[in-house]
C-alpha atoms as a PDB file:
ATOM      1  CA  UNK A   1       0.000   0.000   0.000  1.00  0.00           C
ATOM      2  CA  UNK A   2       1.444   3.348  -0.986  1.00  0.00           C
ATOM      3  CA  UNK A   3       0.270   6.486   0.795  1.00  0.00           C
ATOM      4  CA  UNK A   4       0.879   9.279  -1.702  1.00  0.00           C
ATOM      5  CA  UNK A   5       1.193  12.881  -0.510  1.00  0.00           C
ATOM      6  CA  UNK A   6      -1.001  15.180  -2.589  1.00  0.00           C
ATOM      7  CA  UNK A   7       1.396  18.034  -3.239  1.00  0.00           C
ATOM      8  CA  UNK A   8      -1.073  20.334  -4.942  1.00  0.00           C
ATOM      9  CA  UNK A   9      -3.031  20.610  -1.713  1.00  0.00           C
ATOM     10  CA  UNK A  10       0.116  20.963   0.363  1.00  0.00           C
ATOM     11  CA  UNK A  11       1.001  24.039  -1.692  1.00  0.00           C
ATOM     12  CA  UNK A  12      -2.561  25.314  -1.443  1.00  0.00           C
ATOM     13  CA  UNK A  13      -2.561  25.087   2.332  1.00  0.00           C
ATOM     14  CA  UNK A  14       0.951  26.576   2.643  1.00  0.00           C
ATOM     15  CA  UNK A  15      -0.458  29.761   1.124  1.00  0.00           C
ATOM     16  CA  UNK A  16      -3.073  29.979   3.888  1.00  0.00           C
ATOM     17  CA  UNK A  17      -0.791  30.148   6.906  1.00  0.00           C
ATOM     18  CA  UNK A  18      -3.177  32.404   8.747  1.00  0.00           C
ATOM     19  CA  UNK A  19      -6.027  29.897   8.528  1.00  0.00           C
ATOM     20  CA  UNK A  20      -5.897  26.485  10.163  1.00  0.00           C
ATOM     21  CA  UNK A  21      -7.457  23.733   8.065  1.00  0.00           C
ATOM     22  CA  UNK A  22     -10.114  21.689   9.844  1.00  0.00           C
ATOM     23  CA  UNK A  23      -9.550  17.964  10.255  1.00  0.00           C
ATOM     24  CA  UNK A  24     -12.146  15.947   8.362  1.00  0.00           C
ATOM     25  CA  UNK A  25     -13.719  12.980  10.102  1.00  0.00           C
ATOM     26  CA  UNK A  26     -14.571   9.784   8.216  1.00  0.00           C
ATOM     27  CA  UNK A  27     -18.111  10.781   7.070  1.00  0.00           C
ATOM     28  CA  UNK A  28     -16.835  14.195   5.913  1.00  0.00           C
ATOM     29  CA  UNK A  29     -14.023  12.583   3.903  1.00  0.00           C
ATOM     30  CA  UNK A  30     -16.505  10.373   2.070  1.00  0.00           C
ATOM     31  CA  UNK A  31     -19.007  13.212   1.603  1.00  0.00           C
ATOM     32  CA  UNK A  32     -16.522  15.648   0.044  1.00  0.00           C
ATOM     33  CA  UNK A  33     -15.066  12.937  -2.187  1.00  0.00           C
ATOM     34  CA  UNK A  34     -18.496  11.702  -3.249  1.00  0.00           C
ATOM     35  CA  UNK A  35     -19.758  15.184  -4.116  1.00  0.00           C
ATOM     36  CA  UNK A  36     -16.826  15.785  -6.475  1.00  0.00           C
ATOM     37  CA  UNK A  37     -17.139  12.334  -8.061  1.00  0.00           C
ATOM     38  CA  UNK A  38     -20.872  12.799  -8.677  1.00  0.00           C
ATOM     39  CA  UNK A  39     -20.435  16.208 -10.313  1.00  0.00           C
ATOM     40  CA  UNK A  40     -17.651  14.897 -12.541  1.00  0.00           C
ATOM     41  CA  UNK A  41     -19.894  12.132 -13.850  1.00  0.00           C
ATOM     42  CA  UNK A  42     -23.165  14.043 -13.823  1.00  0.00           C
ATOM     43  CA  UNK A  43     -22.910  17.857 -13.880  1.00  0.00           C
ATOM     44  CA  UNK A  44     -25.865  20.151 -13.248  1.00  0.00           C
ATOM     45  CA  UNK A  45     -27.499  17.968 -10.598  1.00  0.00           C
ATOM     46  CA  UNK A  46     -29.959  19.703  -8.282  1.00  0.00           C
ATOM     47  CA  UNK A  47     -29.159  20.227  -4.621  1.00  0.00           C
ATOM     48  CA  UNK A  48     -31.941  17.797  -3.717  1.00  0.00           C
ATOM     49  CA  UNK A  49     -30.388  15.026  -5.808  1.00  0.00           C
ATOM     50  CA  UNK A  50     -26.866  15.732  -4.570  1.00  0.00           C
ATOM     51  CA  UNK A  51     -27.983  15.563  -0.939  1.00  0.00           C
ATOM     52  CA  UNK A  52     -29.768  12.290  -1.704  1.00  0.00           C
ATOM     53  CA  UNK A  53     -26.649  10.791  -3.324  1.00  0.00           C
ATOM     54  CA  UNK A  54     -24.276  11.952  -0.592  1.00  0.00           C
ATOM     55  CA  UNK A  55     -26.469  10.777   2.293  1.00  0.00           C
ATOM     56  CA  UNK A  56     -25.453   7.152   2.821  1.00  0.00           C
ATOM     57  CA  UNK A  57     -28.414   6.293   5.048  1.00  0.00           C
ATOM     58  CA  UNK A  58     -31.254   7.896   6.991  1.00  0.00           C
ATOM     59  CA  UNK A  59     -29.127   8.334  10.092  1.00  0.00           C
ATOM     60  CA  UNK A  60     -26.426  10.074   8.055  1.00  0.00           C
ATOM     61  CA  UNK A  61     -28.678  12.288   5.940  1.00  0.00           C
ATOM     62  CA  UNK A  62     -27.156  15.723   5.444  1.00  0.00           C
ATOM     63  CA  UNK A  63     -28.990  19.046   5.516  1.00  0.00           C
ATOM     64  CA  UNK A  64     -28.803  21.933   3.038  1.00  0.00           C
ATOM     65  CA  UNK A  65     -26.614  23.743   5.541  1.00  0.00           C
ATOM     66  CA  UNK A  66     -24.192  20.785   5.618  1.00  0.00           C
ATOM     67  CA  UNK A  67     -24.181  20.688   1.818  1.00  0.00           C
ATOM     68  CA  UNK A  68     -23.113  24.339   1.649  1.00  0.00           C
ATOM     69  CA  UNK A  69     -20.504  23.707   4.345  1.00  0.00           C
ATOM     70  CA  UNK A  70     -19.024  20.874   2.243  1.00  0.00           C
ATOM     71  CA  UNK A  71     -18.945  23.227  -0.752  1.00  0.00           C
ATOM     72  CA  UNK A  72     -17.148  25.861   1.319  1.00  0.00           C
ATOM     73  CA  UNK A  73     -14.626  23.298   2.615  1.00  0.00           C
ATOM     74  CA  UNK A  74     -13.863  22.194  -0.933  1.00  0.00           C
ATOM     75  CA  UNK A  75     -13.346  25.809  -1.989  1.00  0.00           C
ATOM     76  CA  UNK A  76     -11.378  27.107   0.998  1.00  0.00           C
ATOM     77  CA  UNK A  77      -9.290  24.078   1.944  1.00  0.00           C
ATOM     78  CA  UNK A  78      -8.802  22.311  -1.391  1.00  0.00           C
ATOM     79  CA  UNK A  79      -9.326  24.885  -4.126  1.00  0.00           C
ATOM     80  CA  UNK A  80     -12.204  22.918  -5.691  1.00  0.00           C
ATOM     81  CA  UNK A  81     -14.831  25.331  -7.013  1.00  0.00           C
ATOM     82  CA  UNK A  82     -18.477  24.256  -7.290  1.00  0.00           C
ATOM     83  CA  UNK A  83     -20.892  26.711  -8.903  1.00  0.00           C
ATOM     84  CA  UNK A  84     -24.607  26.813  -9.644  1.00  0.00           C
ATOM     85  CA  UNK A  85     -25.894  27.267 -13.187  1.00  0.00           C
ATOM     86  CA  UNK A  86     -29.257  28.990 -13.464  1.00  0.00           C
ATOM     87  CA  UNK A  87     -29.700  28.027 -17.106  1.00  0.00           C
ATOM     88  CA  UNK A  88     -29.025  24.343 -16.378  1.00  0.00           C
ATOM     89  CA  UNK A  89     -30.676  24.464 -12.946  1.00  0.00           C
ATOM     90  CA  UNK A  90     -27.927  22.574 -11.182  1.00  0.00           C
ATOM     91  CA  UNK A  91     -24.433  22.536  -9.724  1.00  0.00           C
ATOM     92  CA  UNK A  92     -21.209  21.887 -11.638  1.00  0.00           C
ATOM     93  CA  UNK A  93     -17.437  21.775 -11.119  1.00  0.00           C
ATOM     94  CA  UNK A  94     -15.567  24.815 -12.405  1.00  0.00           C
ATOM     95  CA  UNK A  95     -12.540  22.791 -13.492  1.00  0.00           C
ATOM     96  CA  UNK A  96     -10.741  25.783 -15.024  1.00  0.00           C
ATOM     97  CA  UNK A  97     -10.607  27.601 -11.687  1.00  0.00           C
ATOM     98  CA  UNK A  98     -10.139  24.507  -9.521  1.00  0.00           C
ATOM     99  CA  UNK A  99      -6.973  22.803  -8.372  1.00  0.00           C
ATOM    100  CA  UNK A 100      -6.132  19.428  -9.925  1.00  0.00           C
ATOM    101  CA  UNK A 101      -9.231  17.321  -9.282  1.00  0.00           C
ATOM    102  CA  UNK A 102      -7.470  13.988  -9.825  1.00  0.00           C
ATOM    103  CA  UNK A 103      -4.975  14.944  -7.111  1.00  0.00           C
ATOM    104  CA  UNK A 104      -7.850  15.879  -4.815  1.00  0.00           C
ATOM    105  CA  UNK A 105      -9.541  12.501  -5.274  1.00  0.00           C
ATOM    106  CA  UNK A 106      -6.237  10.720  -4.604  1.00  0.00           C
ATOM    107  CA  UNK A 107      -5.834  12.874  -1.502  1.00  0.00           C
ATOM    108  CA  UNK A 108      -9.294  11.848  -0.292  1.00  0.00           C
ATOM    109  CA  UNK A 109      -8.477   8.164  -0.874  1.00  0.00           C
ATOM    110  CA  UNK A 110      -5.434   8.563   1.355  1.00  0.00           C
ATOM    111  CA  UNK A 111      -7.471  10.264   4.079  1.00  0.00           C
ATOM    112  CA  UNK A 112     -10.151   7.568   3.886  1.00  0.00           C
ATOM    113  CA  UNK A 113      -7.505   4.837   4.168  1.00  0.00           C
ATOM    114  CA  UNK A 114      -5.830   6.603   7.082  1.00  0.00           C
ATOM    115  CA  UNK A 115      -9.163   7.069   8.866  1.00  0.00           C
ATOM    116  CA  UNK A 116     -10.010   3.385   8.360  1.00  0.00           C
ATOM    117  CA  UNK A 117      -6.624   2.247   9.689  1.00  0.00           C
ATOM    118  CA  UNK A 118      -6.919   4.590  12.653  1.00  0.00           C
ATOM    119  CA  UNK A 119     -10.419   3.339  13.493  1.00  0.00           C
ATOM    120  CA  UNK A 120      -9.327  -0.301  13.233  1.00  0.00           C
ATOM    121  CA  UNK A 121      -6.242   0.306  15.368  1.00  0.00           C
ATOM    122  CA  UNK A 122      -8.441   1.748  18.101  1.00  0.00           C
ATOM    123  CA  UNK A 123     -10.533  -1.430  18.033  1.00  0.00           C
ATOM    124  CA  UNK A 124      -7.762  -3.970  17.496  1.00  0.00           C
ATOM    125  CA  UNK A 125      -4.051  -3.386  18.019  1.00  0.00           C
ATOM    126  CA  UNK A 126      -3.268  -6.325  15.689  1.00  0.00           C
ATOM    127  CA  UNK A 127      -4.553  -4.410  12.649  1.00  0.00           C
ATOM    128  CA  UNK A 128      -1.095  -3.662  11.236  1.00  0.00           C
ATOM    129  CA  UNK A 129      -0.256  -7.368  11.121  1.00  0.00           C
ATOM    130  CA  UNK A 130      -2.833  -7.641   8.317  1.00  0.00           C
ATOM    131  CA  UNK A 131      -1.513  -4.677   6.313  1.00  0.00           C
ATOM    132  CA  UNK A 132       1.551  -4.911   4.069  1.00  0.00           C
ATOM    133  CA  UNK A 133       3.210  -1.595   3.216  1.00  0.00           C
ATOM    134  CA  UNK A 134       5.620  -0.945   0.358  1.00  0.00           C
ATOM    135  CA  UNK A 135       9.364  -0.710   1.004  1.00  0.00           C
ATOM    136  CA  UNK A 136      10.751   1.936   3.331  1.00  0.00           C
ATOM    137  CA  UNK A 137      12.267   4.147   0.599  1.00  0.00           C
ATOM    138  CA  UNK A 138       9.424   6.674   0.842  1.00  0.00           C
ATOM    139  CA  UNK A 139       9.936   7.082   4.601  1.00  0.00           C
ATOM    140  CA  UNK A 140      13.720   7.320   4.381  1.00  0.00           C
ATOM    141  CA  UNK A 141      13.496  10.241   1.943  1.00  0.00           C
ATOM    142  CA  UNK A 142      11.318  12.426   4.191  1.00  0.00           C
ATOM    143  CA  UNK A 143      14.207  14.764   5.234  1.00  0.00           C
ATOM    144  CA  UNK A 144      15.205  15.337   1.589  1.00  0.00           C
ATOM    145  CA  UNK A 145      11.547  15.584   0.605  1.00  0.00           C
ATOM    146  CA  UNK A 146      10.981  18.461   3.026  1.00  0.00           C
ATOM    147  CA  UNK A 147      14.076  20.342   1.863  1.00  0.00           C
ATOM    148  CA  UNK A 148      13.238  20.014  -1.830  1.00  0.00           C
ATOM    149  CA  UNK A 149       9.615  20.942  -1.195  1.00  0.00           C
ATOM    150  CA  UNK A 150      10.732  24.069   0.665  1.00  0.00           C
ATOM    151  CA  UNK A 151      12.919  25.077  -2.289  1.00  0.00           C
ATOM    152  CA  UNK A 152      10.011  24.545  -4.704  1.00  0.00           C
ATOM    153  CA  UNK A 153       7.740  26.650  -2.531  1.00  0.00           C
ATOM    154  CA  UNK A 154      10.303  29.476  -2.317  1.00  0.00           C
ATOM    155  CA  UNK A 155      11.337  29.269  -6.003  1.00  0.00           C
ATOM    156  CA  UNK A 156      15.015  28.918  -5.146  1.00  0.00           C
ATOM    157  CA  UNK A 157      17.565  26.442  -6.576  1.00  0.00           C
ATOM    158  CA  UNK A 158      19.206  23.551  -4.758  1.00  0.00           C
ATOM    159  CA  UNK A 159      22.732  22.165  -5.082  1.00  0.00           C
ATOM    160  CA  UNK A 160      23.468  18.558  -4.186  1.00  0.00           C
ATOM    161  CA  UNK A 161      25.543  15.448  -4.780  1.00  0.00           C
ATOM    162  CA  UNK A 162      23.718  12.839  -6.862  1.00  0.00           C
ATOM    163  CA  UNK A 163      24.562   9.136  -6.672  1.00  0.00           C
ATOM    164  CA  UNK A 164      23.726   7.696 -10.093  1.00  0.00           C
ATOM    165  CA  UNK A 165      22.669   4.029 -10.157  1.00  0.00           C
ATOM    166  CA  UNK A 166      23.234   3.968 -13.917  1.00  0.00           C
ATOM    167  CA  UNK A 167      26.715   5.536 -14.022  1.00  0.00           C
ATOM    168  CA  UNK A 168      27.808   4.231 -10.627  1.00  0.00           C
ATOM    169  CA  UNK A 169      29.369   7.511  -9.540  1.00  0.00           C
ATOM    170  CA  UNK A 170      28.604  10.720  -7.658  1.00  0.00           C
ATOM    171  CA  UNK A 171      28.252  14.093  -9.349  1.00  0.00           C
ATOM    172  CA  UNK A 172      27.477  17.665  -8.280  1.00  0.00           C
ATOM    173  CA  UNK A 173      24.339  19.342  -9.682  1.00  0.00           C
ATOM    174  CA  UNK A 174      22.408  22.576  -9.326  1.00  0.00           C
ATOM    175  CA  UNK A 175      18.689  22.286 -10.020  1.00  0.00           C
ATOM    176  CA  UNK A 176      15.750  24.647 -10.276  1.00  0.00           C
ATOM    177  CA  UNK A 177      13.113  22.294  -8.815  1.00  0.00           C
ATOM    178  CA  UNK A 178       9.610  22.673 -10.247  1.00  0.00           C
ATOM    179  CA  UNK A 179       7.643  19.782  -8.765  1.00  0.00           C
ATOM    180  CA  UNK A 180       7.867  16.415  -7.015  1.00  0.00           C
ATOM    181  CA  UNK A 181       6.522  13.190  -8.455  1.00  0.00           C
ATOM    182  CA  UNK A 182       6.159   9.707  -7.014  1.00  0.00           C
ATOM    183  CA  UNK A 183       6.877   6.793  -9.321  1.00  0.00           C
ATOM    184  CA  UNK A 184       7.149   3.131  -8.314  1.00  0.00           C
ATOM    185  CA  UNK A 185       7.278   4.071  -4.625  1.00  0.00           C
ATOM    186  CA  UNK A 186      10.162   6.537  -4.990  1.00  0.00           C
ATOM    187  CA  UNK A 187      10.032  10.321  -4.936  1.00  0.00           C
ATOM    188  CA  UNK A 188      11.669  12.331  -7.710  1.00  0.00           C
ATOM    189  CA  UNK A 189      12.492  16.030  -8.038  1.00  0.00           C
ATOM    190  CA  UNK A 190      11.782  17.305 -11.530  1.00  0.00           C
ATOM    191  CA  UNK A 191      13.300  20.576 -12.642  1.00  0.00           C
ATOM    192  CA  UNK A 192      15.878  22.265 -14.813  1.00  0.00           C
ATOM    193  CA  UNK A 193      19.674  22.251 -14.824  1.00  0.00           C
ATOM    194  CA  UNK A 194      21.858  24.345 -17.122  1.00  0.00           C
ATOM    195  CA  UNK A 195      21.608  21.473 -19.646  1.00  0.00           C
ATOM    196  CA  UNK A 196      17.819  21.197 -19.612  1.00  0.00           C
ATOM    197  CA  UNK A 197      15.095  19.269 -17.809  1.00  0.00           C
ATOM    198  CA  UNK A 198      16.248  16.539 -15.440  1.00  0.00           C
ATOM    199  CA  UNK A 199      14.775  14.086 -12.952  1.00  0.00           C
ATOM    200  CA  UNK A 200      16.537  13.098  -9.723  1.00  0.00           C
ATOM    201  CA  UNK A 201      15.508  10.450  -7.200  1.00  0.00           C
ATOM    202  CA  UNK A 202      15.545  12.277  -3.882  1.00  0.00           C
ATOM    203  CA  UNK A 203      16.693   9.128  -2.083  1.00  0.00           C
ATOM    204  CA  UNK A 204      19.904   9.381  -4.146  1.00  0.00           C
ATOM    205  CA  UNK A 205      20.842  12.969  -3.391  1.00  0.00           C
ATOM    206  CA  UNK A 206      22.806  14.314  -0.437  1.00  0.00           C
ATOM    207  CA  UNK A 207      24.568  17.405   0.908  1.00  0.00           C
ATOM    208  CA  UNK A 208      21.626  19.529  -0.221  1.00  0.00           C
ATOM    209  CA  UNK A 209      22.161  23.284  -0.095  1.00  0.00           C
ATOM    210  CA  UNK A 210      19.232  25.637  -0.679  1.00  0.00           C
ATOM    211  CA  UNK A 211      20.134  28.710  -2.726  1.00  0.00           C
ATOM    212  CA  UNK A 212      18.919  32.256  -2.151  1.00  0.00           C
ATOM    213  CA  UNK A 213      18.526  33.686  -5.657  1.00  0.00           C
ATOM    214  CA  UNK A 214      14.910  33.317  -6.737  1.00  0.00           C
ATOM    215  CA  UNK A 215      13.995  32.038 -10.190  1.00  0.00           C
ATOM    216  CA  UNK A 216      10.811  32.289 -12.242  1.00  0.00           C
ATOM    217  CA  UNK A 217       9.209  28.841 -12.050  1.00  0.00           C
ATOM    218  CA  UNK A 218       8.205  27.001 -15.214  1.00  0.00           C
ATOM    219  CA  UNK A 219       6.152  24.393 -13.391  1.00  0.00           C
ATOM    220  CA  UNK A 220       3.291  24.189 -15.879  1.00  0.00           C
ATOM    221  CA  UNK A 221       5.677  23.943 -18.827  1.00  0.00           C
ATOM    222  CA  UNK A 222       7.585  21.158 -17.074  1.00  0.00           C
ATOM    223  CA  UNK A 223       4.403  19.276 -16.189  1.00  0.00           C
ATOM    224  CA  UNK A 224       3.217  19.608 -19.773  1.00  0.00           C
ATOM    225  CA  UNK A 225       6.461  18.140 -21.136  1.00  0.00           C
ATOM    226  CA  UNK A 226       6.403  15.222 -18.717  1.00  0.00           C
ATOM    227  CA  UNK A 227       2.697  14.567 -19.283  1.00  0.00           C
ATOM    228  CA  UNK A 228       3.519  13.015 -22.663  1.00  0.00           C
ATOM    229  CA  UNK A 229       5.907  10.385 -21.335  1.00  0.00           C
ATOM    230  CA  UNK A 230       5.409   7.214 -19.342  1.00  0.00           C
ATOM    231  CA  UNK A 231       7.496   7.301 -16.198  1.00  0.00           C
ATOM    232  CA  UNK A 232      10.193   9.891 -15.612  1.00  0.00           C
ATOM    233  CA  UNK A 233      12.591  10.127 -18.541  1.00  0.00           C
ATOM    234  CA  UNK A 234      11.702  13.086 -20.738  1.00  0.00           C
ATOM    235  CA  UNK A 235      12.792  12.746 -24.352  1.00  0.00           C
ATOM    236  CA  UNK A 236      12.664  15.762 -26.647  1.00  0.00           C
ATOM    237  CA  UNK A 237      11.247  13.875 -29.617  1.00  0.00           C
ATOM    238  CA  UNK A 238       8.047  14.371 -31.588  1.00  0.00           C
ATOM    239  CA  UNK A 239       4.861  12.803 -30.284  1.00  0.00           C
ATOM    240  CA  UNK A 240       4.293   9.346 -31.745  1.00  0.00           C
ATOM    241  CA  UNK A 241       1.095   7.410 -32.322  1.00  0.00           C
ATOM    242  CA  UNK A 242       1.735   3.969 -30.803  1.00  0.00           C
ATOM    243  CA  UNK A 243      -0.648   1.080 -31.484  1.00  0.00           C
ATOM    244  CA  UNK A 244      -0.543  -2.010 -29.275  1.00  0.00           C
ATOM    245  CA  UNK A 245      -2.539  -5.238 -29.417  1.00  0.00           C
ATOM    246  CA  UNK A 246      -3.016  -7.034 -26.076  1.00  0.00           C
ATOM    247  CA  UNK A 247      -4.417 -10.450 -25.278  1.00  0.00           C
ATOM    248  CA  UNK A 248      -8.072  -9.966 -24.355  1.00  0.00           C
ATOM    249  CA  UNK A 249      -7.334 -11.101 -20.779  1.00  0.00           C
ATOM    250  CA  UNK A 250      -5.507  -7.793 -20.205  1.00  0.00           C
ATOM    251  CA  UNK A 251      -8.498  -5.612 -21.080  1.00  0.00           C
ATOM    252  CA  UNK A 252      -9.933  -5.108 -17.561  1.00  0.00           C
ATOM    253  CA  UNK A 253      -6.484  -4.301 -16.159  1.00  0.00           C
ATOM    254  CA  UNK A 254      -5.675  -1.766 -18.874  1.00  0.00           C
ATOM    255  CA  UNK A 255      -9.115  -0.182 -18.613  1.00  0.00           C
ATOM    256  CA  UNK A 256      -8.868   0.233 -14.845  1.00  0.00           C
ATOM    257  CA  UNK A 257      -5.217   1.357 -14.955  1.00  0.00           C
ATOM    258  CA  UNK A 258      -4.378   2.804 -18.405  1.00  0.00           C
ATOM    259  CA  UNK A 259      -0.776   2.898 -19.587  1.00  0.00           C
ATOM    260  CA  UNK A 260      -1.152   6.633 -20.230  1.00  0.00           C
ATOM    261  CA  UNK A 261      -3.834   9.316 -20.119  1.00  0.00           C
ATOM    262  CA  UNK A 262      -3.911   9.390 -23.944  1.00  0.00           C
ATOM    263  CA  UNK A 263      -4.909   5.710 -24.140  1.00  0.00           C
ATOM    264  CA  UNK A 264      -7.799   5.058 -26.538  1.00  0.00           C
ATOM    265  CA  UNK A 265      -9.314   1.721 -27.515  1.00  0.00           C
ATOM    266  CA  UNK A 266      -9.270   0.937 -31.243  1.00  0.00           C
ATOM    267  CA  UNK A 267     -10.575  -1.961 -33.379  1.00  0.00           C
ATOM    268  CA  UNK A 268     -13.653  -2.211 -31.157  1.00  0.00           C
ATOM    269  CA  UNK A 269     -15.141  -5.131 -33.085  1.00  0.00           C
ATOM    270  CA  UNK A 270     -12.190  -7.402 -32.370  1.00  0.00           C
ATOM    271  CA  UNK A 271     -13.213  -9.829 -29.609  1.00  0.00           C
ATOM    272  CA  UNK A 272      -9.906 -11.715 -29.395  1.00  0.00           C
ATOM    273  CA  UNK A 273      -7.601  -8.807 -28.571  1.00  0.00           C
ATOM    274  CA  UNK A 274      -7.713  -5.477 -26.769  1.00  0.00           C
ATOM    275  CA  UNK A 275      -6.125  -2.898 -29.059  1.00  0.00           C
ATOM    276  CA  UNK A 276      -5.127   0.576 -27.929  1.00  0.00           C
ATOM    277  CA  UNK A 277      -3.514   3.705 -29.302  1.00  0.00           C
ATOM    278  CA  UNK A 278      -1.234   6.010 -27.293  1.00  0.00           C
ATOM    279  CA  UNK A 279       0.055   9.478 -28.172  1.00  0.00           C
ATOM    280  CA  UNK A 280       3.373   9.771 -26.336  1.00  0.00           C
ATOM    281  CA  UNK A 281       7.091  10.407 -26.515  1.00  0.00           C
ATOM    282  CA  UNK A 282       8.275   6.749 -26.466  1.00  0.00           C
ATOM    283  CA  UNK A 283      11.047   6.543 -23.869  1.00  0.00           C
ATOM    284  CA  UNK A 284      12.979   3.807 -22.075  1.00  0.00           C
ATOM    285  CA  UNK A 285      10.296   3.235 -19.451  1.00  0.00           C
ATOM    286  CA  UNK A 286       7.614   2.816 -22.111  1.00  0.00           C
ATOM    287  CA  UNK A 287       9.701   0.125 -23.808  1.00  0.00           C
ATOM    288  CA  UNK A 288      10.117  -1.599 -20.442  1.00  0.00           C
ATOM    289  CA  UNK A 289       6.338  -1.565 -19.992  1.00  0.00           C
ATOM    290  CA  UNK A 290       5.852  -3.208 -23.383  1.00  0.00           C
ATOM    291  CA  UNK A 291       8.525  -5.845 -22.757  1.00  0.00           C
ATOM    292  CA  UNK A 292       7.156  -6.844 -19.354  1.00  0.00           C
ATOM    293  CA  UNK A 293       3.916  -8.042 -20.998  1.00  0.00           C
ATOM    294  CA  UNK A 294       5.888 -10.614 -22.997  1.00  0.00           C
ATOM    295  CA  UNK A 295       3.630 -12.698 -25.251  1.00  0.00           C
ATOM    296  CA  UNK A 296       0.526 -10.844 -24.031  1.00  0.00           C
ATOM    297  CA  UNK A 297       1.205  -7.826 -26.257  1.00  0.00           C
ATOM    298  CA  UNK A 298       2.211  -7.132 -29.843  1.00  0.00           C
ATOM    299  CA  UNK A 299       3.361  -3.767 -31.191  1.00  0.00           C
ATOM    300  CA  UNK A 300       1.399  -2.900 -34.344  1.00  0.00           C
ATOM    301  CA  UNK A 301       2.739   0.580 -35.134  1.00  0.00           C
ATOM    302  CA  UNK A 302       5.083   2.337 -35.752  1.00  0.00           C
ATOM    303  CA  UNK A 303       7.281   0.005 -37.741  1.00  0.00           C
ATOM    304  CA  UNK A 304      10.539   1.176 -36.138  1.00  0.00           C
ATOM    305  CA  UNK A 305       9.188   0.259 -32.689  1.00  0.00           C
ATOM    306  CA  UNK A 306       8.059  -3.153 -33.965  1.00  0.00           C
ATOM    307  CA  UNK A 307      11.643  -3.820 -35.091  1.00  0.00           C
ATOM    308  CA  UNK A 308      13.149  -2.499 -31.860  1.00  0.00           C
ATOM    309  CA  UNK A 309      10.964  -4.639 -29.577  1.00  0.00           C
ATOM    310  CA  UNK A 310      11.501  -7.675 -31.806  1.00  0.00           C
ATOM    311  CA  UNK A 311      15.277  -7.212 -31.472  1.00  0.00           C
ATOM    312  CA  UNK A 312      15.038  -6.900 -27.671  1.00  0.00           C
ATOM    313  CA  UNK A 313      12.982 -10.097 -27.478  1.00  0.00           C
ATOM    314  CA  UNK A 314      15.477 -11.875 -29.735  1.00  0.00           C
ATOM    315  CA  UNK A 315      18.353 -10.867 -27.438  1.00  0.00           C
ATOM    316  CA  UNK A 316      16.392 -12.081 -24.430  1.00  0.00           C
ATOM    317  CA  UNK A 317      15.685 -15.425 -26.081  1.00  0.00           C
ATOM    318  CA  UNK A 318      19.387 -15.921 -26.843  1.00  0.00           C
ATOM    319  CA  UNK A 319      20.052 -16.067 -23.112  1.00  0.00           C
ATOM    320  CA  UNK A 320      17.976 -19.259 -22.899  1.00  0.00           C
ATOM    321  CA  UNK A 321      19.505 -21.045 -25.905  1.00  0.00           C
END
């Protein structure tokens, strides 16, 4: 189980130092999360319907006053804006003016999990024996995490020594950090060096020094560049249309956890395979994703990628001959 820190909301709350955020209890966590999920799927619902959907049972039925309080909490504490449309006679999410809604929903999942664990621990101190957490890398990086996060918040650079797993040596870097990202249970600082955009695992950096000279952040530009890759390695190549054909058994997994946000199903009439198209910068991590599926996937396009994956599989097979 990985408990992911929702950084967007950390930044949001850092800006409101004069106002203490209220702690949400378990029903409030579910209510705020449910309201956002409902409006994403079905905008312009009436208040009556929303109250009906949010109220889990008669004993937990919320009032109009509680509904407006939930709306205010979403706005003030999480930057999620819900407005009423007179023409459509219902409420809707103002996604343009709201913080990242996906991050909010992930944040709520974490709170719900934490509340559940806390409640179970109060009832039974053996609860943790039934819960398996991921490795301790995320915990060990907390000191570095806090330092890097502080630099991001202040828009100042950091200097550090980086221990490269790939090159097997240490090297000094100066980075303008733009945002933090978790990938495969490790935290990474993404920013810009004098040679361009770079990604550094914060569990592999040491001797961190925070600079004093402020820089103009390019966070949105950086996020946009990295949004078109799978994983962490940004490649400055043109976007490619990638077509993959999976064994039909993989369909529910790929639908519930897509390879990338651009994933679209194609060849809908084919009942034997699940075919998808991605629009990405194909990098090393994407190739690793394809290879790990083995015989369960076939690259259809582009031709150069077909040849590249075929060659990698041939090399792998040679090791067994």
